[in-house]
Amino acid sequence: MIRFLIGAFLTALAIQVNAQGCSDAGFCTMGAMKPDQPFNKKVEFKLRSMEFSFYRGTTTTSPIVYVATADFSFSLNRNTFFQVKLPYQAVNGNFGSTNGLSDISLSLTRTLKSTDKYDINATVGGKIPSNNADLSDPTRNNIDFPMYYQTSLGTYDAIAGISLKTRDWLFATGIQHPFNENENTFKFKEWPEPDIYPDSLYVRTYFESNKLKRGTDVMLRVERNFRFAQYNFSLGALPIFRITKDEIEDPDTGLRKKLDGTTGMALSIIGTFGYSLNVRSGVRLLMGVKLTDRKVNPDGLTRNMVSTVSYYYRF
């Protein structure tokens, strides 16, 4: 029965290709905010780990985003962990293809309290851009690609969060704040008229992101985990609130302007299935769909659906 329920759950997620999927600027998989965290007071977990994952995300337009990530955690002492995430991203869509190193994530996580029934963890960290989000198309006079095609968000971000974890539940919240605008210059008037593909109507399915400065995000995670001897699965909700408006430089006036429709909630449903190969290693499948989204998304983070396959090893 359990195998049937797991299969039905994953199938239900997979067929919802017209729903909305996960989108965040990175902090939902950092430190205390990560989904599907281990919790077993009877087994002594190793304090260092590495995880390799492959991500595929479909977007609201044509691009498909692929990301391969190496995720390393090192123990500074029994209660303090340092995490480094190194992602490589490739995008393919109607405008063309891009690829390259994506933004590097660094975080420090501290266990504030640990009992037999729960752990409370806190994380501080940041993201370092790999480029200025200004990858351009050499076949079209080096016009900048929309943000969906950029391998970096082009900003330095500060991140903080806290979580409460038990055997069955995970509650987490976090905040991510970008400090600068990027160098992307995607604007409608630079693209050719309908006689050259992609035409101007298709171009306007994206949002202008000229010198974009993203707003501040706040996330919540509520996750129910079902744990067994060698495997576990979870189902959770992930609302992300953009609490301040995105800004761009107006292509006509050159003045900064705040964009209406960029604040509000993006709500996703996340499911995971994990299988332990042994006490040190295992595999994990994560799938997500989004139920609601913000009206205007110049940052290119919106996804129709996401899926991630991971292998981890603790040592």
C-alpha atoms as a PDB file:
ATOM      1  CA  MET A   1       0.000   0.000   0.000  1.00  0.00           C
ATOM      2  CA  ILE A   2       2.798   2.426   0.874  1.00  0.00           C
ATOM      3  CA  ARG A   3       4.558   1.741  -2.450  1.00  0.00           C
ATOM      4  CA  PHE A   4       1.277   2.338  -4.260  1.00  0.00           C
ATOM      5  CA  LEU A   5       0.717   5.648  -2.458  1.00  0.00           C
ATOM      6  CA  ILE A   6       4.262   6.813  -3.225  1.00  0.00           C
ATOM      7  CA  GLY A   7       3.881   5.915  -6.892  1.00  0.00           C
ATOM      8  CA  ALA A   8       0.487   7.598  -7.136  1.00  0.00           C
ATOM      9  CA  PHE A   9       1.791  10.723  -5.446  1.00  0.00           C
ATOM     10  CA  LEU A  10       4.804  11.066  -7.768  1.00  0.00           C
ATOM     11  CA  THR A  11       2.661  10.348 -10.825  1.00  0.00           C
ATOM     12  CA  ALA A  12       0.162  13.019  -9.804  1.00  0.00           C
ATOM     13  CA  LEU A  13       2.973  15.549  -9.557  1.00  0.00           C
ATOM     14  CA  ALA A  14       4.481  14.537 -12.864  1.00  0.00           C
ATOM     15  CA  ILE A  15       1.303  14.903 -14.948  1.00  0.00           C
ATOM     16  CA  GLN A  16       0.565  18.439 -13.761  1.00  0.00           C
ATOM     17  CA  VAL A  17       2.719  20.019 -16.448  1.00  0.00           C
ATOM     18  CA  ASN A  18       0.304  22.928 -16.862  1.00  0.00           C
ATOM     19  CA  ALA A  19       0.459  23.845 -13.204  1.00  0.00           C
ATOM     20  CA  GLN A  20       3.071  26.141 -11.728  1.00  0.00           C
ATOM     21  CA  GLY A  21       6.387  24.909 -10.297  1.00  0.00           C
ATOM     22  CA  CYS A  22       9.048  25.910  -7.799  1.00  0.00           C
ATOM     23  CA  SER A  23      10.864  29.172  -8.161  1.00  0.00           C
ATOM     24  CA  ASP A  24      13.165  30.837  -5.718  1.00  0.00           C
ATOM     25  CA  ALA A  25      16.462  32.658  -5.780  1.00  0.00           C
ATOM     26  CA  GLY A  26      18.312  29.865  -3.981  1.00  0.00           C
ATOM     27  CA  PHE A  27      17.750  30.168  -0.251  1.00  0.00           C
ATOM     28  CA  CYS A  28      15.092  27.416  -0.043  1.00  0.00           C
ATOM     29  CA  THR A  29      17.825  24.762  -0.369  1.00  0.00           C
ATOM     30  CA  MET A  30      20.361  26.292   2.000  1.00  0.00           C
ATOM     31  CA  GLY A  31      21.167  25.131   5.530  1.00  0.00           C
ATOM     32  CA  ALA A  32      18.225  25.124   7.918  1.00  0.00           C
ATOM     33  CA  MET A  33      15.765  25.802   5.065  1.00  0.00           C
ATOM     34  CA  LYS A  34      16.567  22.651   3.033  1.00  0.00           C
ATOM     35  CA  PRO A  35      13.774  20.134   2.384  1.00  0.00           C
ATOM     36  CA  ASP A  36      13.896  16.497   3.485  1.00  0.00           C
ATOM     37  CA  GLN A  37      16.465  16.913   6.277  1.00  0.00           C
ATOM     38  CA  PRO A  38      17.561  13.734   8.123  1.00  0.00           C
ATOM     39  CA  PHE A  39      16.395  13.182  11.699  1.00  0.00           C
ATOM     40  CA  ASN A  40      17.350  10.029  13.577  1.00  0.00           C
ATOM     41  CA  LYS A  41      18.597  10.189  17.151  1.00  0.00           C
ATOM     42  CA  LYS A  42      19.437   6.457  17.151  1.00  0.00           C
ATOM     43  CA  VAL A  43      21.952   6.689  14.319  1.00  0.00           C
ATOM     44  CA  GLU A  44      25.071   8.853  14.566  1.00  0.00           C
ATOM     45  CA  PHE A  45      25.161  10.801  11.308  1.00  0.00           C
ATOM     46  CA  LYS A  46      28.530  11.677   9.853  1.00  0.00           C
ATOM     47  CA  LEU A  47      29.303  15.367  10.166  1.00  0.00           C
ATOM     48  CA  ARG A  48      30.477  15.930   6.594  1.00  0.00           C
ATOM     49  CA  SER A  49      28.551  15.315   3.406  1.00  0.00           C
ATOM     50  CA  MET A  50      28.580  15.838  -0.329  1.00  0.00           C
ATOM     51  CA  GLU A  51      25.600  15.769  -2.630  1.00  0.00           C
ATOM     52  CA  PHE A  52      25.400  15.784  -6.403  1.00  0.00           C
ATOM     53  CA  SER A  53      22.105  16.683  -8.016  1.00  0.00           C
ATOM     54  CA  PHE A  54      20.612  17.209 -11.443  1.00  0.00           C
ATOM     55  CA  TYR A  55      17.688  19.624 -11.825  1.00  0.00           C
ATOM     56  CA  ARG A  56      15.272  20.174 -14.716  1.00  0.00           C
ATOM     57  CA  GLY A  57      12.782  23.031 -14.753  1.00  0.00           C
ATOM     58  CA  THR A  58      10.232  24.039 -17.366  1.00  0.00           C
ATOM     59  CA  THR A  59       9.277  27.698 -17.574  1.00  0.00           C
ATOM     60  CA  THR A  60       6.184  29.689 -18.491  1.00  0.00           C
ATOM     61  CA  THR A  61       7.657  30.389 -21.950  1.00  0.00           C
ATOM     62  CA  SER A  62       9.948  28.168 -24.053  1.00  0.00           C
ATOM     63  CA  PRO A  63      13.199  27.859 -22.034  1.00  0.00           C
ATOM     64  CA  ILE A  64      14.022  24.629 -20.232  1.00  0.00           C
ATOM     65  CA  VAL A  65      16.546  25.048 -17.426  1.00  0.00           C
ATOM     66  CA  TYR A  66      19.040  22.334 -16.429  1.00  0.00           C
ATOM     67  CA  VAL A  67      21.293  22.651 -13.380  1.00  0.00           C
ATOM     68  CA  ALA A  68      23.962  20.242 -12.101  1.00  0.00           C
ATOM     69  CA  THR A  69      25.004  21.079  -8.531  1.00  0.00           C
ATOM     70  CA  ALA A  70      27.785  19.956  -6.225  1.00  0.00           C
ATOM     71  CA  ASP A  71      26.762  20.598  -2.605  1.00  0.00           C
ATOM     72  CA  PHE A  72      29.366  20.204   0.167  1.00  0.00           C
ATOM     73  CA  SER A  73      28.867  20.475   3.944  1.00  0.00           C
ATOM     74  CA  PHE A  74      31.773  20.619   6.409  1.00  0.00           C
ATOM     75  CA  SER A  75      31.573  20.468  10.194  1.00  0.00           C
ATOM     76  CA  LEU A  76      33.440  23.191  12.068  1.00  0.00           C
ATOM     77  CA  ASN A  77      32.397  21.505  15.310  1.00  0.00           C
ATOM     78  CA  ARG A  78      29.559  19.229  16.367  1.00  0.00           C
ATOM     79  CA  ASN A  79      26.916  21.966  16.166  1.00  0.00           C
ATOM     80  CA  THR A  80      28.217  24.194  13.351  1.00  0.00           C
ATOM     81  CA  PHE A  81      28.262  23.402   9.638  1.00  0.00           C
ATOM     82  CA  PHE A  82      29.548  25.264   6.605  1.00  0.00           C
ATOM     83  CA  GLN A  83      27.845  24.665   3.248  1.00  0.00           C
ATOM     84  CA  VAL A  84      29.087  25.428  -0.287  1.00  0.00           C
ATOM     85  CA  LYS A  85      26.918  24.977  -3.383  1.00  0.00           C
ATOM     86  CA  LEU A  86      28.498  25.078  -6.848  1.00  0.00           C
ATOM     87  CA  PRO A  87      25.901  24.908  -9.657  1.00  0.00           C
ATOM     88  CA  TYR A  88      26.420  24.724 -13.414  1.00  0.00           C
ATOM     89  CA  GLN A  89      23.426  25.826 -15.475  1.00  0.00           C
ATOM     90  CA  ALA A  90      22.320  25.347 -19.084  1.00  0.00           C
ATOM     91  CA  VAL A  91      19.234  26.854 -20.724  1.00  0.00           C
ATOM     92  CA  ASN A  92      17.659  26.028 -24.067  1.00  0.00           C
ATOM     93  CA  GLY A  93      14.694  27.822 -25.652  1.00  0.00           C
ATOM     94  CA  ASN A  94      13.367  29.666 -28.693  1.00  0.00           C
ATOM     95  CA  PHE A  95      15.876  32.500 -28.275  1.00  0.00           C
ATOM     96  CA  GLY A  96      18.822  30.098 -28.243  1.00  0.00           C
ATOM     97  CA  SER A  97      21.034  28.434 -25.643  1.00  0.00           C
ATOM     98  CA  THR A  98      23.250  29.575 -22.780  1.00  0.00           C
ATOM     99  CA  ASN A  99      25.368  27.748 -20.238  1.00  0.00           C
ATOM    100  CA  GLY A 100      27.907  28.456 -17.527  1.00  0.00           C
ATOM    101  CA  LEU A 101      28.656  28.505 -13.821  1.00  0.00           C
ATOM    102  CA  SER A 102      25.670  29.731 -11.819  1.00  0.00           C
ATOM    103  CA  ASP A 103      25.651  31.672  -8.535  1.00  0.00           C
ATOM    104  CA  ILE A 104      27.733  30.275  -5.674  1.00  0.00           C
ATOM    105  CA  SER A 105      25.987  29.783  -2.323  1.00  0.00           C
ATOM    106  CA  LEU A 106      27.796  29.912   1.024  1.00  0.00           C
ATOM    107  CA  SER A 107      26.141  29.402   4.405  1.00  0.00           C
ATOM    108  CA  LEU A 108      26.875  28.715   8.053  1.00  0.00           C
ATOM    109  CA  THR A 109      24.340  26.674  10.052  1.00  0.00           C
ATOM    110  CA  ARG A 110      24.322  26.406  13.842  1.00  0.00           C
ATOM    111  CA  THR A 111      22.261  24.023  15.986  1.00  0.00           C
ATOM    112  CA  LEU A 112      20.734  26.258  18.647  1.00  0.00           C
ATOM    113  CA  LYS A 113      19.035  23.456  20.580  1.00  0.00           C
ATOM    114  CA  SER A 114      18.908  19.693  20.199  1.00  0.00           C
ATOM    115  CA  THR A 115      16.765  17.229  22.165  1.00  0.00           C
ATOM    116  CA  ASP A 116      15.539  13.699  21.581  1.00  0.00           C
ATOM    117  CA  LYS A 117      12.361  15.118  20.029  1.00  0.00           C
ATOM    118  CA  TYR A 118      13.448  18.157  18.023  1.00  0.00           C
ATOM    119  CA  ASP A 119      16.284  20.323  16.674  1.00  0.00           C
ATOM    120  CA  ILE A 120      16.333  24.085  16.200  1.00  0.00           C
ATOM    121  CA  ASN A 121      18.830  25.282  13.588  1.00  0.00           C
ATOM    122  CA  ALA A 122      19.724  28.748  12.291  1.00  0.00           C
ATOM    123  CA  THR A 123      21.514  29.716   9.074  1.00  0.00           C
ATOM    124  CA  VAL A 124      23.273  32.831   7.793  1.00  0.00           C
ATOM    125  CA  GLY A 125      24.892  33.085   4.402  1.00  0.00           C
ATOM    126  CA  GLY A 126      24.898  34.642   0.989  1.00  0.00           C
ATOM    127  CA  LYS A 127      25.078  34.199  -2.762  1.00  0.00           C
ATOM    128  CA  ILE A 128      27.899  35.396  -5.002  1.00  0.00           C
ATOM    129  CA  PRO A 129      27.100  36.088  -8.675  1.00  0.00           C
ATOM    130  CA  SER A 130      29.071  34.190 -11.320  1.00  0.00           C
ATOM    131  CA  ASN A 131      28.482  36.963 -13.870  1.00  0.00           C
ATOM    132  CA  ASN A 132      26.493  40.194 -14.317  1.00  0.00           C
ATOM    133  CA  ALA A 133      23.396  38.525 -15.830  1.00  0.00           C
ATOM    134  CA  ASP A 134      24.324  40.103 -19.163  1.00  0.00           C
ATOM    135  CA  LEU A 135      24.810  37.088 -21.437  1.00  0.00           C
ATOM    136  CA  SER A 136      23.958  38.231 -24.962  1.00  0.00           C
ATOM    137  CA  ASP A 137      23.128  36.778 -28.369  1.00  0.00           C
ATOM    138  CA  PRO A 138      25.997  37.182 -30.857  1.00  0.00           C
ATOM    139  CA  THR A 139      23.638  36.399 -33.757  1.00  0.00           C
ATOM    140  CA  ARG A 140      21.461  39.425 -32.911  1.00  0.00           C
ATOM    141  CA  ASN A 141      24.037  42.173 -32.408  1.00  0.00           C
ATOM    142  CA  ASN A 142      24.783  41.014 -28.853  1.00  0.00           C
ATOM    143  CA  ILE A 143      21.339  41.940 -27.510  1.00  0.00           C
ATOM    144  CA  ASP A 144      21.024  40.701 -23.916  1.00  0.00           C
ATOM    145  CA  PHE A 145      18.967  37.564 -23.362  1.00  0.00           C
ATOM    146  CA  PRO A 146      15.955  37.762 -20.995  1.00  0.00           C
ATOM    147  CA  MET A 147      16.607  36.704 -17.404  1.00  0.00           C
ATOM    148  CA  TYR A 148      15.219  33.203 -18.096  1.00  0.00           C
ATOM    149  CA  TYR A 149      18.363  32.566 -20.174  1.00  0.00           C
ATOM    150  CA  GLN A 150      20.849  34.052 -17.716  1.00  0.00           C
ATOM    151  CA  THR A 151      22.996  31.643 -15.715  1.00  0.00           C
ATOM    152  CA  SER A 152      23.345  34.186 -12.880  1.00  0.00           C
ATOM    153  CA  LEU A 153      20.983  36.589 -11.152  1.00  0.00           C
ATOM    154  CA  GLY A 154      23.852  39.080 -11.149  1.00  0.00           C
ATOM    155  CA  THR A 155      23.456  40.201  -7.526  1.00  0.00           C
ATOM    156  CA  TYR A 156      25.133  39.776  -4.153  1.00  0.00           C
ATOM    157  CA  ASP A 157      22.502  38.448  -1.734  1.00  0.00           C
ATOM    158  CA  ALA A 158      22.334  38.059   2.044  1.00  0.00           C
ATOM    159  CA  ILE A 159      20.406  35.105   3.452  1.00  0.00           C
ATOM    160  CA  ALA A 160      19.216  34.125   6.942  1.00  0.00           C
ATOM    161  CA  GLY A 161      16.807  31.509   8.248  1.00  0.00           C
ATOM    162  CA  ILE A 162      15.720  29.275  11.114  1.00  0.00           C
ATOM    163  CA  SER A 163      14.012  25.894  11.356  1.00  0.00           C
ATOM    164  CA  LEU A 164      12.342  23.530  13.807  1.00  0.00           C
ATOM    165  CA  LYS A 165      12.779  19.870  12.884  1.00  0.00           C
ATOM    166  CA  THR A 166      11.218  16.751  14.413  1.00  0.00           C
ATOM    167  CA  ARG A 167      10.991  13.167  13.190  1.00  0.00           C
ATOM    168  CA  ASP A 168       7.737  13.932  11.364  1.00  0.00           C
ATOM    169  CA  TRP A 169       7.717  17.684  10.714  1.00  0.00           C
ATOM    170  CA  LEU A 170       9.887  20.492   9.417  1.00  0.00           C
ATOM    171  CA  PHE A 171       8.986  24.161   9.884  1.00  0.00           C
ATOM    172  CA  ALA A 172      11.362  26.727   8.407  1.00  0.00           C
ATOM    173  CA  THR A 173      11.442  30.382   7.489  1.00  0.00           C
ATOM    174  CA  GLY A 174      14.071  32.507   5.795  1.00  0.00           C
ATOM    175  CA  ILE A 175      14.787  35.824   4.117  1.00  0.00           C
ATOM    176  CA  GLN A 176      16.898  36.739   1.079  1.00  0.00           C
ATOM    177  CA  HIS A 177      17.885  40.306   0.258  1.00  0.00           C
ATOM    178  CA  PRO A 178      19.795  41.399  -2.892  1.00  0.00           C
ATOM    179  CA  PHE A 179      22.075  44.408  -2.490  1.00  0.00           C
ATOM    180  CA  ASN A 180      22.585  45.581  -6.052  1.00  0.00           C
ATOM    181  CA  GLU A 181      21.046  45.806  -9.492  1.00  0.00           C
ATOM    182  CA  ASN A 182      22.396  43.557 -12.204  1.00  0.00           C
ATOM    183  CA  GLU A 183      23.718  44.506 -15.650  1.00  0.00           C
ATOM    184  CA  ASN A 184      21.006  42.836 -17.722  1.00  0.00           C
ATOM    185  CA  THR A 185      19.609  45.138 -20.451  1.00  0.00           C
ATOM    186  CA  PHE A 186      16.735  43.113 -21.917  1.00  0.00           C
ATOM    187  CA  LYS A 187      14.177  45.591 -23.309  1.00  0.00           C
ATOM    188  CA  PHE A 188      11.529  45.219 -25.986  1.00  0.00           C
ATOM    189  CA  LYS A 189      12.618  48.031 -28.288  1.00  0.00           C
ATOM    190  CA  GLU A 190      15.981  46.403 -29.042  1.00  0.00           C
ATOM    191  CA  TRP A 191      14.390  43.310 -30.572  1.00  0.00           C
ATOM    192  CA  PRO A 192      13.475  43.154 -34.271  1.00  0.00           C
ATOM    193  CA  GLU A 193       9.971  43.479 -35.665  1.00  0.00           C
ATOM    194  CA  PRO A 194       7.778  40.479 -36.649  1.00  0.00           C
ATOM    195  CA  ASP A 195       9.602  39.822 -39.937  1.00  0.00           C
ATOM    196  CA  ILE A 196      12.472  38.222 -37.965  1.00  0.00           C
ATOM    197  CA  TYR A 197      11.856  35.306 -35.585  1.00  0.00           C
ATOM    198  CA  PRO A 198      11.275  35.442 -32.680  1.00  0.00           C
ATOM    199  CA  ASP A 199       8.744  38.153 -33.413  1.00  0.00           C
ATOM    200  CA  SER A 200       7.842  41.062 -31.160  1.00  0.00           C
ATOM    201  CA  LEU A 201       4.695  39.360 -29.846  1.00  0.00           C
ATOM    202  CA  TYR A 202       6.744  36.433 -28.562  1.00  0.00           C
ATOM    203  CA  VAL A 203       9.366  38.780 -27.124  1.00  0.00           C
ATOM    204  CA  ARG A 204       6.664  40.400 -25.004  1.00  0.00           C
ATOM    205  CA  THR A 205       5.813  37.111 -23.319  1.00  0.00           C
ATOM    206  CA  TYR A 206       8.906  37.917 -21.223  1.00  0.00           C
ATOM    207  CA  PHE A 207       9.263  40.886 -18.866  1.00  0.00           C
ATOM    208  CA  GLU A 208      11.709  43.747 -19.332  1.00  0.00           C
ATOM    209  CA  SER A 209      14.625  43.479 -16.904  1.00  0.00           C
ATOM    210  CA  ASN A 210      16.798  46.484 -17.777  1.00  0.00           C
ATOM    211  CA  LYS A 211      19.245  46.904 -14.838  1.00  0.00           C
ATOM    212  CA  LEU A 212      17.006  44.752 -12.640  1.00  0.00           C
ATOM    213  CA  LYS A 213      17.098  44.942  -8.852  1.00  0.00           C
ATOM    214  CA  ARG A 214      15.004  42.153  -7.323  1.00  0.00           C
ATOM    215  CA  GLY A 215      12.860  42.704  -4.282  1.00  0.00           C
ATOM    216  CA  THR A 216      13.334  40.982  -0.918  1.00  0.00           C
ATOM    217  CA  ASP A 217      11.930  37.452  -0.504  1.00  0.00           C
ATOM    218  CA  VAL A 218      10.612  35.736   2.620  1.00  0.00           C
ATOM    219  CA  MET A 219       9.970  31.995   2.556  1.00  0.00           C
ATOM    220  CA  LEU A 220       8.067  29.555   4.755  1.00  0.00           C
ATOM    221  CA  ARG A 221       8.323  25.780   4.595  1.00  0.00           C
ATOM    222  CA  VAL A 222       5.931  23.305   6.197  1.00  0.00           C
ATOM    223  CA  GLU A 223       6.815  19.681   5.507  1.00  0.00           C
ATOM    224  CA  ARG A 224       5.420  16.363   6.734  1.00  0.00           C
ATOM    225  CA  ASN A 225       7.900  13.501   6.569  1.00  0.00           C
ATOM    226  CA  PHE A 226       7.150   9.773   6.649  1.00  0.00           C
ATOM    227  CA  ARG A 227      10.239   7.794   7.682  1.00  0.00           C
ATOM    228  CA  PHE A 228      10.904   4.073   7.415  1.00  0.00           C
ATOM    229  CA  ALA A 229      13.960   1.839   7.754  1.00  0.00           C
ATOM    230  CA  GLN A 230      15.490   2.458   4.329  1.00  0.00           C
ATOM    231  CA  TYR A 231      13.278   5.057   2.728  1.00  0.00           C
ATOM    232  CA  ASN A 232      11.210   8.115   3.454  1.00  0.00           C
ATOM    233  CA  PHE A 233       8.921  10.450   1.611  1.00  0.00           C
ATOM    234  CA  SER A 234       7.556  13.895   2.363  1.00  0.00           C
ATOM    235  CA  LEU A 235       4.946  16.354   1.211  1.00  0.00           C
ATOM    236  CA  GLY A 236       5.154  20.061   1.952  1.00  0.00           C
ATOM    237  CA  ALA A 237       4.045  23.574   1.108  1.00  0.00           C
ATOM    238  CA  LEU A 238       6.500  26.324   0.174  1.00  0.00           C
ATOM    239  CA  PRO A 239       5.083  29.862   0.000  1.00  0.00           C
ATOM    240  CA  ILE A 240       7.572  32.560  -1.015  1.00  0.00           C
ATOM    241  CA  PHE A 241       6.571  36.181  -0.441  1.00  0.00           C
ATOM    242  CA  ARG A 242       8.239  39.014  -2.346  1.00  0.00           C
ATOM    243  CA  ILE A 243       7.718  41.828   0.121  1.00  0.00           C
ATOM    244  CA  THR A 244       9.271  44.705  -1.855  1.00  0.00           C
ATOM    245  CA  LYS A 245       8.835  45.587  -5.527  1.00  0.00           C
ATOM    246  CA  ASP A 246      11.364  44.777  -8.219  1.00  0.00           C
ATOM    247  CA  GLU A 247      12.993  47.794  -9.884  1.00  0.00           C
ATOM    248  CA  ILE A 248      14.284  48.378 -13.405  1.00  0.00           C
ATOM    249  CA  GLU A 249      15.687  51.316 -15.327  1.00  0.00           C
ATOM    250  CA  ASP A 250      12.950  52.669 -17.609  1.00  0.00           C
ATOM    251  CA  PRO A 251      14.183  52.135 -21.212  1.00  0.00           C
ATOM    252  CA  ASP A 252      12.507  55.381 -22.335  1.00  0.00           C
ATOM    253  CA  THR A 253      13.324  57.826 -19.521  1.00  0.00           C
ATOM    254  CA  GLY A 254      16.455  56.265 -17.999  1.00  0.00           C
ATOM    255  CA  LEU A 255      14.901  56.677 -14.539  1.00  0.00           C
ATOM    256  CA  ARG A 256      14.498  53.939 -11.965  1.00  0.00           C
ATOM    257  CA  LYS A 257      10.946  52.641 -11.576  1.00  0.00           C
ATOM    258  CA  LYS A 258       9.273  50.097  -9.286  1.00  0.00           C
ATOM    259  CA  LEU A 259       7.231  47.431 -11.059  1.00  0.00           C
ATOM    260  CA  ASP A 260       3.643  46.780 -10.048  1.00  0.00           C
ATOM    261  CA  GLY A 261       2.676  43.114  -9.778  1.00  0.00           C
ATOM    262  CA  THR A 262       6.093  41.924  -8.597  1.00  0.00           C
ATOM    263  CA  THR A 263       5.118  41.571  -4.929  1.00  0.00           C
ATOM    264  CA  GLY A 264       2.924  38.856  -3.434  1.00  0.00           C
ATOM    265  CA  MET A 265       3.003  35.125  -2.849  1.00  0.00           C
ATOM    266  CA  ALA A 266       4.222  32.262  -5.021  1.00  0.00           C
ATOM    267  CA  LEU A 267       2.942  29.004  -3.496  1.00  0.00           C
ATOM    268  CA  SER A 268       4.452  25.627  -4.392  1.00  0.00           C
ATOM    269  CA  ILE A 269       3.756  22.046  -3.353  1.00  0.00           C
ATOM    270  CA  ILE A 270       6.933  19.997  -2.923  1.00  0.00           C
ATOM    271  CA  GLY A 271       7.240  16.227  -2.710  1.00  0.00           C
ATOM    272  CA  THR A 272      10.331  14.118  -2.027  1.00  0.00           C
ATOM    273  CA  PHE A 273      11.181  10.438  -1.991  1.00  0.00           C
ATOM    274  CA  GLY A 274      14.453   9.209  -0.486  1.00  0.00           C
ATOM    275  CA  TYR A 275      16.097   5.783  -0.375  1.00  0.00           C
ATOM    276  CA  SER A 276      19.092   4.973   1.851  1.00  0.00           C
ATOM    277  CA  LEU A 277      21.605   2.693   0.177  1.00  0.00           C
ATOM    278  CA  ASN A 278      23.361   2.357   3.535  1.00  0.00           C
ATOM    279  CA  VAL A 279      23.963   4.478   6.628  1.00  0.00           C
ATOM    280  CA  ARG A 280      26.269   6.799   4.667  1.00  0.00           C
ATOM    281  CA  SER A 281      24.690   7.213   1.239  1.00  0.00           C
ATOM    282  CA  GLY A 282      21.389   7.389  -0.572  1.00  0.00           C
ATOM    283  CA  VAL A 283      19.386   8.832  -3.447  1.00  0.00           C
ATOM    284  CA  ARG A 284      16.573  11.383  -3.458  1.00  0.00           C
ATOM    285  CA  LEU A 285      13.896  12.526  -5.895  1.00  0.00           C
ATOM    286  CA  LEU A 286      12.262  15.932  -5.477  1.00  0.00           C
ATOM    287  CA  MET A 287       9.347  17.187  -7.559  1.00  0.00           C
ATOM    288  CA  GLY A 288       7.361  20.390  -7.284  1.00  0.00           C
ATOM    289  CA  VAL A 289       4.517  22.296  -8.851  1.00  0.00           C
ATOM    290  CA  LYS A 290       3.347  25.820  -8.173  1.00  0.00           C
ATOM    291  CA  LEU A 291      -0.247  26.671  -7.347  1.00  0.00           C
ATOM    292  CA  THR A 292      -0.049  30.471  -7.407  1.00  0.00           C
ATOM    293  CA  ASP A 293       2.418  33.009  -8.742  1.00  0.00           C
ATOM    294  CA  ARG A 294       3.128  36.722  -8.874  1.00  0.00           C
ATOM    295  CA  LYS A 295       1.710  38.547 -11.906  1.00  0.00           C
ATOM    296  CA  VAL A 296       5.002  40.079 -13.039  1.00  0.00           C
ATOM    297  CA  ASN A 297       8.288  38.117 -12.914  1.00  0.00           C
ATOM    298  CA  PRO A 298      11.198  39.940 -14.585  1.00  0.00           C
ATOM    299  CA  ASP A 299      13.768  37.835 -12.687  1.00  0.00           C
ATOM    300  CA  GLY A 300      13.077  34.713 -14.799  1.00  0.00           C
ATOM    301  CA  LEU A 301      12.629  32.444 -11.780  1.00  0.00           C
ATOM    302  CA  THR A 302       9.128  31.159 -12.502  1.00  0.00           C
ATOM    303  CA  ARG A 303       8.875  27.449 -13.339  1.00  0.00           C
ATOM    304  CA  ASN A 304       5.983  25.315 -14.569  1.00  0.00           C
ATOM    305  CA  MET A 305       7.431  22.233 -12.942  1.00  0.00           C
ATOM    306  CA  VAL A 306      10.713  21.136 -11.397  1.00  0.00           C
ATOM    307  CA  SER A 307      12.317  17.766 -10.732  1.00  0.00           C
ATOM    308  CA  THR A 308      15.632  16.983  -9.053  1.00  0.00           C
ATOM    309  CA  VAL A 309      17.509  13.692  -8.691  1.00  0.00           C
ATOM    310  CA  SER A 310      20.286  13.614  -6.070  1.00  0.00           C
ATOM    311  CA  TYR A 311      22.936  11.281  -4.709  1.00  0.00           C
ATOM    312  CA  TYR A 312      24.449  12.031  -1.274  1.00  0.00           C
ATOM    313  CA  TYR A 313      27.320  10.617   0.719  1.00  0.00           C
ATOM    314  CA  ARG A 314      28.178  11.315   4.374  1.00  0.00           C
ATOM    315  CA  PHE A 315      31.700  10.838   5.707  1.00  0.00           C
END
